[in-house]
């Protein structure tokens, strides 16, 4: 069951990541993010969306590693710390 929950969480994180990447690319999806203030994000918010995509990708990796679905990598101690274990 925890692996299924992890997969659902990663799907949600992946969808949010895709949205942030599309926003960073300049697509007119600003009404979905950043309080809907801009149709196309200005440069500063595009960079912020790109940074958010990186954080979301890292979070997805941590969830998958915690569930044992991917290898934790060179620093396996990061996964328990990131998940408050």
Protein backbone atom coordinates (compact mmCIF):
# COMPACT_ATOMS: atom_id res chain seq x y z
CA UNK A 1 0.00 0.00 0.00
CA UNK A 2 2.73 2.59 0.78
CA UNK A 3 4.20 2.09 -2.68
CA UNK A 4 0.84 2.83 -4.31
CA UNK A 5 0.46 5.96 -2.23
CA UNK A 6 3.97 7.00 -3.25
CA UNK A 7 3.10 6.51 -6.91
CA UNK A 8 -0.03 8.65 -6.57
CA UNK A 9 2.00 11.34 -4.79
CA UNK A 10 4.63 11.30 -7.53
CA UNK A 11 1.96 11.61 -10.22
CA UNK A 12 0.57 14.70 -8.48
CA UNK A 13 4.06 16.14 -8.03
CA UNK A 14 4.81 15.37 -11.68
CA UNK A 15 1.71 17.22 -12.87
CA UNK A 16 2.67 20.24 -10.77
CA UNK A 17 6.22 20.02 -12.12
CA UNK A 18 4.94 20.00 -15.72
CA UNK A 19 2.80 23.06 -15.00
CA UNK A 20 5.78 24.91 -13.55
CA UNK A 21 7.96 24.03 -16.54
CA UNK A 22 5.26 25.22 -18.94
CA UNK A 23 4.94 28.46 -16.98
CA UNK A 24 8.72 28.91 -17.09
CA UNK A 25 8.63 28.37 -20.85
CA UNK A 26 6.25 31.30 -21.23
CA UNK A 27 2.98 29.57 -22.00
CA UNK A 28 -0.09 31.63 -21.09
CA UNK A 29 -1.06 29.55 -18.06
CA UNK A 30 -0.46 32.20 -15.42
CA UNK A 31 -4.04 32.04 -14.19
CA UNK A 32 -3.21 28.61 -12.70
CA UNK A 33 -0.33 29.87 -10.57
CA UNK A 34 1.19 32.86 -8.80
CA UNK A 35 -2.24 34.08 -7.67
CA UNK A 36 -3.45 34.37 -11.28
CA UNK A 37 -2.08 37.86 -11.61
CA UNK A 38 -0.40 37.40 -15.00
CA UNK A 39 -1.48 35.54 -18.10
CA UNK A 40 2.16 35.09 -19.17
CA UNK A 41 4.62 35.27 -16.30
CA UNK A 42 7.28 37.98 -16.23
CA UNK A 43 10.93 36.89 -16.30
CA UNK A 44 11.42 36.86 -12.52
CA UNK A 45 8.43 34.58 -11.97
CA UNK A 46 9.54 32.33 -14.83
CA UNK A 47 12.81 31.77 -13.00
CA UNK A 48 10.87 31.12 -9.80
CA UNK A 49 8.71 28.57 -11.64
CA UNK A 50 11.84 26.87 -12.92
CA UNK A 51 13.20 26.71 -9.37
CA UNK A 52 9.85 25.34 -8.16
CA UNK A 53 10.06 22.63 -10.83
CA UNK A 54 13.46 21.63 -9.46
CA UNK A 55 12.13 21.42 -5.92
CA UNK A 56 9.14 19.37 -7.08
CA UNK A 57 11.44 16.99 -8.95
CA UNK A 58 13.58 16.56 -5.86
CA UNK A 59 10.48 15.93 -3.75
CA UNK A 60 9.28 13.28 -6.20
CA UNK A 61 12.66 11.54 -6.01
CA UNK A 62 12.58 11.60 -2.20
CA UNK A 63 9.08 10.08 -2.16
CA UNK A 64 10.13 7.32 -4.57
CA UNK A 65 13.34 6.63 -2.64
CA UNK A 66 11.47 6.50 0.68
CA UNK A 67 9.03 3.99 -0.77
CA UNK A 68 11.93 1.89 -2.05
CA UNK A 69 11.00 2.35 -5.70
CA UNK A 70 14.32 3.99 -6.69
CA UNK A 71 17.82 3.78 -5.26
CA UNK A 72 18.58 6.57 -2.79
CA UNK A 73 21.84 7.37 -4.57
CA UNK A 74 25.24 8.29 -3.18
CA UNK A 75 23.91 9.84 0.04
CA UNK A 76 21.21 7.49 1.35
CA UNK A 77 21.10 9.42 4.66
CA UNK A 78 19.35 12.30 2.88
CA UNK A 79 16.11 10.36 2.36
CA UNK A 80 15.34 9.71 6.07
CA UNK A 81 16.21 13.30 6.95
CA UNK A 82 14.00 14.64 4.15
CA UNK A 83 11.09 12.49 5.32
CA UNK A 84 11.51 13.13 9.04
CA UNK A 85 12.26 9.52 9.81
